[in-house]
PDB file of N, CA and C in Angstrom:
ATOM      1  N   MET A   1     100.414  68.687 159.002  1.00  0.00           N
ATOM      2  CA  MET A   1     100.365  70.129 158.999  1.00  0.00           C
ATOM      3  C   MET A   1     101.662  70.714 159.551  1.00  0.00           C
ATOM      4  N   VAL A   2     102.159  70.149 160.634  1.00  0.00           N
ATOM      5  CA  VAL A   2     103.412  70.624 161.221  1.00  0.00           C
ATOM      6  C   VAL A   2     104.563  70.405 160.247  1.00  0.00           C
ATOM      7  N   THR A   3     104.567  69.255 159.581  1.00  0.00           N
ATOM      8  CA  THR A   3     105.638  68.960 158.631  1.00  0.00           C
ATOM      9  C   THR A   3     105.634  69.960 157.481  1.00  0.00           C
ATOM     10  N   ARG A   4     104.476  70.264 156.964  1.00  0.00           N
ATOM     11  CA  ARG A   4     104.385  71.234 155.859  1.00  0.00           C
ATOM     12  C   ARG A   4     104.898  72.603 156.290  1.00  0.00           C
ATOM     13  N   ALA A   5     104.574  73.008 157.506  1.00  0.00           N
ATOM     14  CA  ALA A   5     105.055  74.298 158.016  1.00  0.00           C
ATOM     15  C   ALA A   5     106.575  74.278 158.171  1.00  0.00           C
ATOM     16  N   ALA A   6     107.116  73.166 158.666  1.00  0.00           N
ATOM     17  CA  ALA A   6     108.570  73.049 158.843  1.00  0.00           C
ATOM     18  C   ALA A   6     109.288  73.108 157.495  1.00  0.00           C
ATOM     19  N   ILE A   7     108.754  72.450 156.492  1.00  0.00           N
ATOM     20  CA  ILE A   7     109.372  72.467 155.163  1.00  0.00           C
ATOM     21  C   ILE A   7     109.279  73.865 154.556  1.00  0.00           C
ATOM     22  N   ALA A   8     108.154  74.523 154.745  1.00  0.00           N
ATOM     23  CA  ALA A   8     108.019  75.897 154.241  1.00  0.00           C
ATOM     24  C   ALA A   8     109.064  76.802 154.884  1.00  0.00           C
ATOM     25  N   LEU A   9     109.275  76.636 156.169  1.00  0.00           N
ATOM     26  CA  LEU A   9     110.289  77.427 156.866  1.00  0.00           C
ATOM     27  C   LEU A   9     111.693  77.070 156.378  1.00  0.00           C
ATOM     28  N   ALA A  10     111.945  75.784 156.180  1.00  0.00           N
ATOM     29  CA  ALA A  10     113.257  75.340 155.700  1.00  0.00           C
ATOM     30  C   ALA A  10     113.548  75.860 154.291  1.00  0.00           C
ATOM     31  N   ASN A  11     112.521  76.104 153.505  1.00  0.00           N
ATOM     32  CA  ASN A  11     112.698  76.604 152.137  1.00  0.00           C
ATOM     33  C   ASN A  11     112.987  78.101 152.077  1.00  0.00           C
ATOM     34  N   VAL A  12     112.845  78.800 153.189  1.00  0.00           N
ATOM     35  CA  VAL A  12     113.098  80.247 153.194  1.00  0.00           C
ATOM     36  C   VAL A  12     114.557  80.544 152.869  1.00  0.00           C
ATOM     37  N   TRP A  13     115.478  79.838 153.505  1.00  0.00           N
ATOM     38  CA  TRP A  13     116.912  80.106 153.302  1.00  0.00           C
ATOM     39  C   TRP A  13     117.328  79.947 151.838  1.00  0.00           C
ATOM     40  N   PRO A  14     117.034  78.816 151.195  1.00  0.00           N
ATOM     41  CA  PRO A  14     117.417  78.701 149.778  1.00  0.00           C
ATOM     42  C   PRO A  14     116.777  79.791 148.909  1.00  0.00           C
ATOM     43  N   ARG A  15     115.544  80.140 149.207  1.00  0.00           N
ATOM     44  CA  ARG A  15     114.875  81.185 148.427  1.00  0.00           C
ATOM     45  C   ARG A  15     115.595  82.519 148.597  1.00  0.00           C
ATOM     46  N   LEU A  16     115.953  82.862 149.827  1.00  0.00           N
ATOM     47  CA  LEU A  16     116.664  84.120 150.082  1.00  0.00           C
ATOM     48  C   LEU A  16     118.037  84.150 149.412  1.00  0.00           C
ATOM     49  N   ARG A  17     118.682  83.000 149.330  1.00  0.00           N
ATOM     50  CA  ARG A  17     120.007  82.907 148.718  1.00  0.00           C
ATOM     51  C   ARG A  17     119.936  82.838 147.196  1.00  0.00           C
ATOM     52  N   GLY A  18     118.736  82.686 146.645  1.00  0.00           N
ATOM     53  CA  GLY A  18     118.586  82.596 145.198  1.00  0.00           C
ATOM     54  C   GLY A  18     118.828  81.200 144.652  1.00  0.00           C
ATOM     55  N   TRP A  19     118.886  80.223 145.550  1.00  0.00           N
ATOM     56  CA  TRP A  19     119.091  78.840 145.124  1.00  0.00           C
ATOM     57  C   TRP A  19     117.782  78.278 144.571  1.00  0.00           C
ATOM     58  N   LYS A  20     117.887  77.359 143.635  1.00  0.00           N
ATOM     59  CA  LYS A  20     116.698  76.751 143.039  1.00  0.00           C
ATOM     60  C   LYS A  20     116.184  75.558 143.840  1.00  0.00           C
ATOM     61  N   PHE A  21     117.007  75.036 144.758  1.00  0.00           N
ATOM     62  CA  PHE A  21     116.600  73.872 145.544  1.00  0.00           C
ATOM     63  C   PHE A  21     115.394  74.197 146.419  1.00  0.00           C
ATOM     64  N   ARG A  22     114.436  73.294 146.454  1.00  0.00           N
ATOM     65  CA  ARG A  22     113.304  73.379 147.371  1.00  0.00           C
ATOM     66  C   ARG A  22     112.986  71.968 147.864  1.00  0.00           C
ATOM     67  N   ALA A  23     112.541  71.868 149.090  1.00  0.00           N
ATOM     68  CA  ALA A  23     112.073  70.593 149.644  1.00  0.00           C
ATOM     69  C   ALA A  23     110.555  70.539 149.459  1.00  0.00           C
ATOM     70  N   TYR A  24     110.036  69.343 149.314  1.00  0.00           N
ATOM     71  CA  TYR A  24     108.606  69.162 149.094  1.00  0.00           C
ATOM     72  C   TYR A  24     108.066  68.097 150.021  1.00  0.00           C
ATOM     73  N   VAL A  25     106.774  68.155 150.288  1.00  0.00           N
ATOM     74  CA  VAL A  25     106.076  67.153 151.084  1.00  0.00           C
ATOM     75  C   VAL A  25     104.927  66.634 150.228  1.00  0.00           C
ATOM     76  N   HIS A  26     104.862  65.316 150.093  1.00  0.00           N
ATOM     77  CA  HIS A  26     103.783  64.699 149.328  1.00  0.00           C
ATOM     78  C   HIS A  26     103.109  63.645 150.199  1.00  0.00           C
ATOM     79  N   PRO A  27     101.793  63.479 150.092  1.00  0.00           N
ATOM     80  CA  PRO A  27     101.117  62.420 150.841  1.00  0.00           C
ATOM     81  C   PRO A  27     101.671  61.049 150.438  1.00  0.00           C
ATOM     82  N   THR A  28     101.826  60.183 151.410  1.00  0.00           N
ATOM     83  CA  THR A  28     102.399  58.857 151.170  1.00  0.00           C
ATOM     84  C   THR A  28     101.658  58.111 150.070  1.00  0.00           C
ATOM     85  N   HIS A  29     100.336  58.126 150.111  1.00  0.00           N
ATOM     86  CA  HIS A  29      99.574  57.358 149.121  1.00  0.00           C
ATOM     87  C   HIS A  29      99.817  57.863 147.699  1.00  0.00           C
ATOM     88  N   VAL A  30     100.096  59.135 147.539  1.00  0.00           N
ATOM     89  CA  VAL A  30     100.380  59.687 146.212  1.00  0.00           C
ATOM     90  C   VAL A  30     101.731  59.180 145.708  1.00  0.00           C
ATOM     91  N   VAL A  31     102.725  59.150 146.584  1.00  0.00           N
ATOM     92  CA  VAL A  31     104.060  58.663 146.213  1.00  0.00           C
ATOM     93  C   VAL A  31     104.000  57.177 145.865  1.00  0.00           C
ATOM     94  N   VAL A  32     103.327  56.395 146.708  1.00  0.00           N
ATOM     95  CA  VAL A  32     103.238  54.950 146.470  1.00  0.00           C
ATOM     96  C   VAL A  32     102.473  54.669 145.177  1.00  0.00           C
ATOM     97  N   ALA A  33     101.417  55.411 144.909  1.00  0.00           N
ATOM     98  CA  ALA A  33     100.652  55.217 143.671  1.00  0.00           C
ATOM     99  C   ALA A  33     101.490  55.560 142.441  1.00  0.00           C
ATOM    100  N   ALA A  34     102.240  56.641 142.507  1.00  0.00           N
ATOM    101  CA  ALA A  34     103.105  57.017 141.382  1.00  0.00           C
ATOM    102  C   ALA A  34     104.174  55.956 141.153  1.00  0.00           C
ATOM    103  N   ALA A  35     104.744  55.441 142.229  1.00  0.00           N
ATOM    104  CA  ALA A  35     105.763  54.394 142.117  1.00  0.00           C
ATOM    105  C   ALA A  35     105.156  53.119 141.535  1.00  0.00           C
ATOM    106  N   ALA A  36     103.952  52.779 141.975  1.00  0.00           N
ATOM    107  CA  ALA A  36     103.278  51.582 141.461  1.00  0.00           C
ATOM    108  C   ALA A  36     103.049  51.702 139.958  1.00  0.00           C
ATOM    109  N   GLY A  37     102.763  52.898 139.498  1.00  0.00           N
ATOM    110  CA  GLY A  37     102.587  53.132 138.068  1.00  0.00           C
ATOM    111  C   GLY A  37     103.851  52.894 137.270  1.00  0.00           C
ATOM    112  N   GLU A  38     104.988  52.903 137.950  1.00  0.00           N
ATOM    113  CA  GLU A  38     106.284  52.641 137.312  1.00  0.00           C
ATOM    114  C   GLU A  38     106.799  51.241 137.624  1.00  0.00           C
ATOM    115  N   GLY A  39     105.934  50.391 138.196  1.00  0.00           N
ATOM    116  CA  GLY A  39     106.308  49.007 138.459  1.00  0.00           C
ATOM    117  C   GLY A  39     106.987  48.768 139.798  1.00  0.00           C
ATOM    118  N   LEU A  40     106.903  49.720 140.707  1.00  0.00           N
ATOM    119  CA  LEU A  40     107.515  49.561 142.026  1.00  0.00           C
ATOM    120  C   LEU A  40     106.440  49.284 143.067  1.00  0.00           C
ATOM    121  N   ALA A  41     106.821  48.585 144.122  1.00  0.00           N
ATOM    122  CA  ALA A  41     105.900  48.284 145.215  1.00  0.00           C
ATOM    123  C   ALA A  41     106.551  48.670 146.535  1.00  0.00           C
ATOM    124  N   LEU A  42     105.733  49.033 147.488  1.00  0.00           N
ATOM    125  CA  LEU A  42     106.229  49.401 148.806  1.00  0.00           C
ATOM    126  C   LEU A  42     106.771  48.156 149.494  1.00  0.00           C
ATOM    127  N   ALA A  43     108.071  48.153 149.808  1.00  0.00           N
ATOM    128  CA  ALA A  43     108.713  47.014 150.454  1.00  0.00           C
ATOM    129  C   ALA A  43     108.881  47.238 151.954  1.00  0.00           C
ATOM    130  N   GLU A  44     109.030  48.495 152.348  1.00  0.00           N
ATOM    131  CA  GLU A  44     109.233  48.803 153.761  1.00  0.00           C
ATOM    132  C   GLU A  44     108.859  50.254 154.012  1.00  0.00           C
ATOM    133  N   ARG A  45     108.351  50.505 155.211  1.00  0.00           N
ATOM    134  CA  ARG A  45     108.010  51.872 155.617  1.00  0.00           C
ATOM    135  C   ARG A  45     108.412  52.044 157.069  1.00  0.00           C
ATOM    136  N   ARG A  46     109.140  53.105 157.346  1.00  0.00           N
ATOM    137  CA  ARG A  46     109.519  53.441 158.718  1.00  0.00           C
ATOM    138  C   ARG A  46     109.086  54.874 158.992  1.00  0.00           C
ATOM    139  N   VAL A  47     108.540  55.082 160.167  1.00  0.00           N
ATOM    140  CA  VAL A  47     108.037  56.399 160.532  1.00  0.00           C
ATOM    141  C   VAL A  47     108.739  56.865 161.790  1.00  0.00           C
ATOM    142  N   GLY A  48     109.249  58.068 161.746  1.00  0.00           N
ATOM    143  CA  GLY A  48     109.875  58.688 162.904  1.00  0.00           C
ATOM    144  C   GLY A  48     109.000  59.817 163.414  1.00  0.00           C
ATOM    145  N   LEU A  49     109.554  60.619 164.276  1.00  0.00           N
ATOM    146  CA  LEU A  49     108.801  61.723 164.858  1.00  0.00           C
ATOM    147  C   LEU A  49     108.377  62.746 163.802  1.00  0.00           C
ATOM    148  N   VAL A  50     109.294  63.117 162.921  1.00  0.00           N
ATOM    149  CA  VAL A  50     108.973  64.125 161.899  1.00  0.00           C
ATOM    150  C   VAL A  50     109.382  63.689 160.501  1.00  0.00           C
ATOM    151  N   TRP A  51     109.640  62.413 160.308  1.00  0.00           N
ATOM    152  CA  TRP A  51     110.072  61.959 159.000  1.00  0.00           C
ATOM    153  C   TRP A  51     109.442  60.614 158.695  1.00  0.00           C
ATOM    154  N   GLN A  52     109.559  60.207 157.464  1.00  0.00           N
ATOM    155  CA  GLN A  52     109.077  58.911 157.016  1.00  0.00           C
ATOM    156  C   GLN A  52     110.018  58.413 155.927  1.00  0.00           C
ATOM    157  N   MET A  53     110.306  57.126 155.951  1.00  0.00           N
ATOM    158  CA  MET A  53     111.160  56.539 154.933  1.00  0.00           C
ATOM    159  C   MET A  53     110.381  55.424 154.241  1.00  0.00           C
ATOM    160  N   LEU A  54     110.391  55.457 152.934  1.00  0.00           N
ATOM    161  CA  LEU A  54     109.769  54.400 152.148  1.00  0.00           C
ATOM    162  C   LEU A  54     110.845  53.697 151.346  1.00  0.00           C
ATOM    163  N   VAL A  55     110.786  52.380 151.334  1.00  0.00           N
ATOM    164  CA  VAL A  55     111.649  51.595 150.452  1.00  0.00           C
ATOM    165  C   VAL A  55     110.734  51.024 149.385  1.00  0.00           C
ATOM    166  N   LEU A  56     111.038  51.341 148.151  1.00  0.00           N
ATOM    167  CA  LEU A  56     110.251  50.868 147.020  1.00  0.00           C
ATOM    168  C   LEU A  56     111.107  49.908 146.208  1.00  0.00           C
ATOM    169  N   ALA A  57     110.526  48.797 145.802  1.00  0.00           N
ATOM    170  CA  ALA A  57     111.298  47.786 145.078  1.00  0.00           C
ATOM    171  C   ALA A  57     110.505  47.281 143.882  1.00  0.00           C
ATOM    172  N   ARG A  58     111.249  46.873 142.882  1.00  0.00           N
ATOM    173  CA  ARG A  58     110.655  46.274 141.691  1.00  0.00           C
ATOM    174  C   ARG A  58     110.652  44.765 141.888  1.00  0.00           C
ATOM    175  N   ASP A  59     109.542  44.123 141.566  1.00  0.00           N
ATOM    176  CA  ASP A  59     109.478  42.667 141.668  1.00  0.00           C
ATOM    177  C   ASP A  59     110.477  42.038 140.713  1.00  0.00           C
ATOM    178  N   ALA A  60     111.154  41.005 141.200  1.00  0.00           N
ATOM    179  CA  ALA A  60     112.191  40.352 140.391  1.00  0.00           C
ATOM    180  C   ALA A  60     111.601  39.473 139.321  1.00  0.00           C
TER     181      ALA A  60
END
């Protein structure tokens, strides 16, 4: 919830400037499922205070 609020706030500046860029937040399981549908698998996940990094890899 806090992350979504932070991203919404971060998107105010680009919107005011007329820029098309926007940041998005998606649930991890949705991202991993979409990647799996394209042949990728979760290889690594790191979680910080307000961020998360996923490494997705294709099986060799």
